[in-house]
Every structure is written in C-alpha cells, then in structure tokens.
PDB file of N, CA and C in Angstrom:
ATOM      1  N   MET A   1      55.417 -28.336   2.845  1.00  0.00           N
ATOM      2  CA  MET A   1      54.090 -28.947   2.210  1.00  0.00           C
ATOM      3  C   MET A   1      52.991 -28.757   3.527  1.00  0.00           C
ATOM      4  N   THR A   2      51.846 -28.464   3.188  1.00  0.00           N
ATOM      5  CA  THR A   2      50.913 -28.478   4.173  1.00  0.00           C
ATOM      6  C   THR A   2      50.683 -29.730   4.888  1.00  0.00           C
ATOM      7  N   PRO A   3      49.839 -29.906   5.929  1.00  0.00           N
ATOM      8  CA  PRO A   3      49.483 -31.125   6.501  1.00  0.00           C
ATOM      9  C   PRO A   3      48.439 -31.830   5.740  1.00  0.00           C
ATOM     10  N   GLN A   4      47.718 -31.031   4.876  1.00  0.00           N
ATOM     11  CA  GLN A   4      46.405 -31.553   4.058  1.00  0.00           C
ATOM     12  C   GLN A   4      47.056 -32.365   2.800  1.00  0.00           C
ATOM     13  N   GLU A   5      48.057 -31.476   2.229  1.00  0.00           N
ATOM     14  CA  GLU A   5      48.757 -32.170   0.998  1.00  0.00           C
ATOM     15  C   GLU A   5      49.438 -33.605   1.483  1.00  0.00           C
ATOM     16  N   LEU A   6      50.058 -33.419   2.588  1.00  0.00           N
ATOM     17  CA  LEU A   6      50.653 -34.586   3.121  1.00  0.00           C
ATOM     18  C   LEU A   6      49.847 -35.739   3.106  1.00  0.00           C
ATOM     19  N   GLN A   7      48.671 -35.451   3.592  1.00  0.00           N
ATOM     20  CA  GLN A   7      47.672 -36.474   3.780  1.00  0.00           C
ATOM     21  C   GLN A   7      47.107 -36.896   2.525  1.00  0.00           C
ATOM     22  N   VAL A   8      47.104 -36.095   1.603  1.00  0.00           N
ATOM     23  CA  VAL A   8      46.468 -36.488   0.402  1.00  0.00           C
ATOM     24  C   VAL A   8      47.518 -37.313  -0.582  1.00  0.00           C
ATOM     25  N   VAL A   9      48.670 -36.780  -0.243  1.00  0.00           N
ATOM     26  CA  VAL A   9      49.952 -37.353  -1.040  1.00  0.00           C
ATOM     27  C   VAL A   9      50.113 -38.874  -0.492  1.00  0.00           C
ATOM     28  N   ARG A  10      50.060 -39.027   0.698  1.00  0.00           N
ATOM     29  CA  ARG A  10      50.275 -40.423   1.467  1.00  0.00           C
ATOM     30  C   ARG A  10      48.907 -41.406   1.014  1.00  0.00           C
ATOM     31  N   LEU A  11      47.894 -40.987   0.867  1.00  0.00           N
ATOM     32  CA  LEU A  11      46.647 -41.835   0.282  1.00  0.00           C
ATOM     33  C   LEU A  11      46.910 -42.004  -1.034  1.00  0.00           C
ATOM     34  N   ALA A  12      47.285 -40.963  -2.149  1.00  0.00           N
ATOM     35  CA  ALA A  12      47.668 -41.676  -3.338  1.00  0.00           C
ATOM     36  C   ALA A  12      48.737 -42.214  -3.434  1.00  0.00           C
ATOM     37  N   ALA A  13      49.783 -42.172  -2.847  1.00  0.00           N
ATOM     38  CA  ALA A  13      50.930 -43.072  -2.999  1.00  0.00           C
ATOM     39  C   ALA A  13      50.586 -44.793  -2.603  1.00  0.00           C
ATOM     40  N   ALA A  14      49.314 -44.676  -1.547  1.00  0.00           N
ATOM     41  CA  ALA A  14      48.925 -45.930  -1.128  1.00  0.00           C
ATOM     42  C   ALA A  14      48.117 -46.614  -2.278  1.00  0.00           C
ATOM     43  N   GLY A  15      47.746 -45.666  -3.442  1.00  0.00           N
ATOM     44  CA  GLY A  15      46.923 -46.405  -4.524  1.00  0.00           C
ATOM     45  C   GLY A  15      45.565 -46.054  -4.501  1.00  0.00           C
ATOM     46  N   HIS A  16      45.148 -44.875  -3.699  1.00  0.00           N
ATOM     47  CA  HIS A  16      43.725 -44.406  -3.761  1.00  0.00           C
ATOM     48  C   HIS A  16      43.477 -43.569  -4.980  1.00  0.00           C
ATOM     49  N   THR A  17      42.304 -43.645  -5.246  1.00  0.00           N
ATOM     50  CA  THR A  17      41.958 -42.551  -6.327  1.00  0.00           C
ATOM     51  C   THR A  17      41.551 -41.179  -5.649  1.00  0.00           C
ATOM     52  N   ASN A  18      41.418 -40.239  -6.662  1.00  0.00           N
ATOM     53  CA  ASN A  18      41.044 -38.969  -6.106  1.00  0.00           C
ATOM     54  C   ASN A  18      39.959 -38.951  -5.479  1.00  0.00           C
ATOM     55  N   LYS A  19      38.774 -39.776  -6.044  1.00  0.00           N
ATOM     56  CA  LYS A  19      37.578 -39.904  -5.625  1.00  0.00           C
ATOM     57  C   LYS A  19      37.317 -40.337  -4.227  1.00  0.00           C
ATOM     58  N   GLU A  20      38.179 -41.658  -4.011  1.00  0.00           N
ATOM     59  CA  GLU A  20      38.304 -42.310  -2.710  1.00  0.00           C
ATOM     60  C   GLU A  20      38.948 -41.287  -1.676  1.00  0.00           C
ATOM     61  N   ILE A  21      40.021 -40.511  -1.836  1.00  0.00           N
ATOM     62  CA  ILE A  21      40.641 -39.801  -1.055  1.00  0.00           C
ATOM     63  C   ILE A  21      39.695 -38.651  -0.647  1.00  0.00           C
ATOM     64  N   ALA A  22      38.925 -38.179  -1.587  1.00  0.00           N
ATOM     65  CA  ALA A  22      38.005 -37.158  -1.322  1.00  0.00           C
ATOM     66  C   ALA A  22      36.947 -37.384  -0.442  1.00  0.00           C
ATOM     67  N   ALA A  23      36.437 -38.697  -0.679  1.00  0.00           N
ATOM     68  CA  ALA A  23      35.403 -39.131   0.363  1.00  0.00           C
ATOM     69  C   ALA A  23      36.159 -39.286   2.057  1.00  0.00           C
ATOM     70  N   GLN A  24      37.251 -39.877   1.708  1.00  0.00           N
ATOM     71  CA  GLN A  24      37.710 -39.873   3.204  1.00  0.00           C
ATOM     72  C   GLN A  24      38.132 -38.890   4.118  1.00  0.00           C
ATOM     73  N   LEU A  25      38.695 -37.893   3.361  1.00  0.00           N
ATOM     74  CA  LEU A  25      38.865 -36.449   3.874  1.00  0.00           C
ATOM     75  C   LEU A  25      37.949 -35.516   3.735  1.00  0.00           C
ATOM     76  N   PHE A  26      36.690 -35.758   3.397  1.00  0.00           N
ATOM     77  CA  PHE A  26      35.656 -34.797   3.102  1.00  0.00           C
ATOM     78  C   PHE A  26      36.054 -33.727   2.153  1.00  0.00           C
ATOM     79  N   LEU A  27      36.640 -33.793   1.322  1.00  0.00           N
ATOM     80  CA  LEU A  27      36.956 -32.885   0.378  1.00  0.00           C
ATOM     81  C   LEU A  27      36.338 -33.102  -1.336  1.00  0.00           C
ATOM     82  N   SER A  28      36.338 -32.145  -2.178  1.00  0.00           N
ATOM     83  CA  SER A  28      35.914 -32.404  -3.384  1.00  0.00           C
ATOM     84  C   SER A  28      37.110 -33.546  -4.248  1.00  0.00           C
ATOM     85  N   PRO A  29      36.882 -34.072  -5.075  1.00  0.00           N
ATOM     86  CA  PRO A  29      37.899 -34.760  -6.058  1.00  0.00           C
ATOM     87  C   PRO A  29      38.836 -33.838  -6.627  1.00  0.00           C
ATOM     88  N   ARG A  30      38.053 -32.426  -7.004  1.00  0.00           N
ATOM     89  CA  ARG A  30      38.820 -31.537  -7.476  1.00  0.00           C
ATOM     90  C   ARG A  30      39.900 -30.873  -6.625  1.00  0.00           C
ATOM     91  N   THR A  31      39.658 -30.616  -5.505  1.00  0.00           N
ATOM     92  CA  THR A  31      40.460 -30.140  -4.372  1.00  0.00           C
ATOM     93  C   THR A  31      41.419 -31.111  -4.185  1.00  0.00           C
ATOM     94  N   VAL A  32      41.355 -32.526  -4.097  1.00  0.00           N
ATOM     95  CA  VAL A  32      42.270 -33.559  -4.087  1.00  0.00           C
ATOM     96  C   VAL A  32      43.332 -33.259  -5.222  1.00  0.00           C
ATOM     97  N   GLY A  33      42.676 -33.308  -6.525  1.00  0.00           N
ATOM     98  CA  GLY A  33      43.967 -33.029  -7.535  1.00  0.00           C
ATOM     99  C   GLY A  33      44.489 -31.721  -7.525  1.00  0.00           C
ATOM    100  N   HIS A  34      43.962 -30.565  -6.703  1.00  0.00           N
ATOM    101  CA  HIS A  34      44.843 -29.345  -6.658  1.00  0.00           C
ATOM    102  C   HIS A  34      45.986 -29.473  -5.731  1.00  0.00           C
ATOM    103  N   HIS A  35      45.600 -30.321  -4.595  1.00  0.00           N
ATOM    104  CA  HIS A  35      46.496 -30.583  -3.413  1.00  0.00           C
ATOM    105  C   HIS A  35      47.861 -31.276  -4.306  1.00  0.00           C
ATOM    106  N   LEU A  36      47.379 -32.278  -4.990  1.00  0.00           N
ATOM    107  CA  LEU A  36      48.521 -33.361  -5.421  1.00  0.00           C
ATOM    108  C   LEU A  36      49.349 -32.328  -6.494  1.00  0.00           C
ATOM    109  N   TYR A  37      48.576 -31.594  -7.331  1.00  0.00           N
ATOM    110  CA  TYR A  37      49.166 -30.554  -8.064  1.00  0.00           C
ATOM    111  C   TYR A  37      50.090 -29.742  -7.489  1.00  0.00           C
ATOM    112  N   LYS A  38      49.721 -29.315  -6.314  1.00  0.00           N
ATOM    113  CA  LYS A  38      50.723 -28.431  -5.726  1.00  0.00           C
ATOM    114  C   LYS A  38      51.714 -29.152  -4.944  1.00  0.00           C
ATOM    115  N   ALA A  39      51.606 -30.402  -4.804  1.00  0.00           N
ATOM    116  CA  ALA A  39      52.620 -31.200  -3.905  1.00  0.00           C
ATOM    117  C   ALA A  39      53.653 -31.822  -4.940  1.00  0.00           C
ATOM    118  N   TYR A  40      53.555 -32.118  -6.033  1.00  0.00           N
ATOM    119  CA  TYR A  40      54.568 -32.696  -6.926  1.00  0.00           C
ATOM    120  C   TYR A  40      55.601 -32.071  -7.020  1.00  0.00           C
ATOM    121  N   PRO A  41      55.749 -30.668  -7.232  1.00  0.00           N
ATOM    122  CA  PRO A  41      57.034 -29.854  -7.500  1.00  0.00           C
ATOM    123  C   PRO A  41      57.887 -30.165  -6.173  1.00  0.00           C
ATOM    124  N   LYS A  42      56.953 -29.621  -4.980  1.00  0.00           N
ATOM    125  CA  LYS A  42      57.704 -29.877  -3.763  1.00  0.00           C
ATOM    126  C   LYS A  42      58.415 -31.349  -3.378  1.00  0.00           C
ATOM    127  N   LEU A  43      58.122 -32.208  -3.776  1.00  0.00           N
ATOM    128  CA  LEU A  43      58.466 -33.757  -3.836  1.00  0.00           C
ATOM    129  C   LEU A  43      59.410 -34.174  -5.001  1.00  0.00           C
ATOM    130  N   GLY A  44      59.454 -33.072  -5.962  1.00  0.00           N
ATOM    131  CA  GLY A  44      60.379 -33.442  -6.890  1.00  0.00           C
ATOM    132  C   GLY A  44      60.009 -34.554  -8.133  1.00  0.00           C
ATOM    133  N   VAL A  45      58.449 -34.728  -8.082  1.00  0.00           N
ATOM    134  CA  VAL A  45      58.140 -35.755  -8.889  1.00  0.00           C
ATOM    135  C   VAL A  45      57.132 -35.082  -9.823  1.00  0.00           C
ATOM    136  N   THR A  46      56.959 -35.651 -11.078  1.00  0.00           N
ATOM    137  CA  THR A  46      55.928 -35.177 -12.148  1.00  0.00           C
ATOM    138  C   THR A  46      54.540 -35.834 -12.024  1.00  0.00           C
ATOM    139  N   GLY A  47      54.484 -36.903 -11.348  1.00  0.00           N
ATOM    140  CA  GLY A  47      53.050 -37.686 -11.355  1.00  0.00           C
ATOM    141  C   GLY A  47      52.886 -38.579 -10.308  1.00  0.00           C
ATOM    142  N   ARG A  48      51.546 -39.151 -10.294  1.00  0.00           N
ATOM    143  CA  ARG A  48      51.141 -40.101  -9.410  1.00  0.00           C
ATOM    144  C   ARG A  48      52.021 -41.198  -9.178  1.00  0.00           C
ATOM    145  N   ALA A  49      52.328 -41.832 -10.126  1.00  0.00           N
ATOM    146  CA  ALA A  49      53.209 -43.276 -10.375  1.00  0.00           C
ATOM    147  C   ALA A  49      54.481 -42.903  -9.492  1.00  0.00           C
ATOM    148  N   GLU A  50      54.944 -41.762  -9.622  1.00  0.00           N
ATOM    149  CA  GLU A  50      56.333 -41.763  -8.770  1.00  0.00           C
ATOM    150  C   GLU A  50      56.114 -41.507  -7.294  1.00  0.00           C
ATOM    151  N   LEU A  51      54.799 -41.521  -6.743  1.00  0.00           N
ATOM    152  CA  LEU A  51      54.909 -41.277  -5.488  1.00  0.00           C
ATOM    153  C   LEU A  51      55.048 -42.614  -4.661  1.00  0.00           C
ATOM    154  N   ALA A  52      54.662 -43.522  -5.260  1.00  0.00           N
ATOM    155  CA  ALA A  52      54.934 -44.978  -4.548  1.00  0.00           C
ATOM    156  C   ALA A  52      56.457 -45.147  -4.518  1.00  0.00           C
ATOM    157  N   HIS A  53      57.297 -44.525  -5.156  1.00  0.00           N
ATOM    158  CA  HIS A  53      58.821 -44.776  -4.939  1.00  0.00           C
ATOM    159  C   HIS A  53      59.458 -43.901  -4.148  1.00  0.00           C
ATOM    160  N   LEU A  54      58.721 -42.999  -3.482  1.00  0.00           N
ATOM    161  CA  LEU A  54      59.253 -42.140  -2.617  1.00  0.00           C
ATOM    162  C   LEU A  54      59.426 -42.741  -0.951  1.00  0.00           C
ATOM    163  N   ASP A  55      60.357 -42.445  -0.234  1.00  0.00           N
ATOM    164  CA  ASP A  55      60.732 -42.917   1.048  1.00  0.00           C
ATOM    165  C   ASP A  55      59.930 -41.882   1.812  1.00  0.00           C
TER     166      ASP A  55
END
C-alpha cells in the first residue's frame, strides 16, 4: 500500500468523509475515493464500514 493510500485509509477509518480527507491532504474528493478503491482489496475489505474494524 502506498503511503498516501495509508493516510487516506486511516482518516476514513476515523470517520472522516472523502471531502474532509481531501481538504486535509490537499487532494480532490475523487482522488480520495480512488485511493480507497485501490486500498480495499489490499486490506481485504469491501467498504468503508469495514475499515473501523481493522487493527
């Protein structure tokens, strides 16, 4: 997983929206969504709700 994907995943797991993550990391919300889409299979999850349950 790339460092940026990891940052996005951590913020999403903490409950932030794509728009909030985008503003914090100076990305577009669409780019945030892309990072999450690429990270889900790497983490073995299918959606945002499952991120909170990862260790």
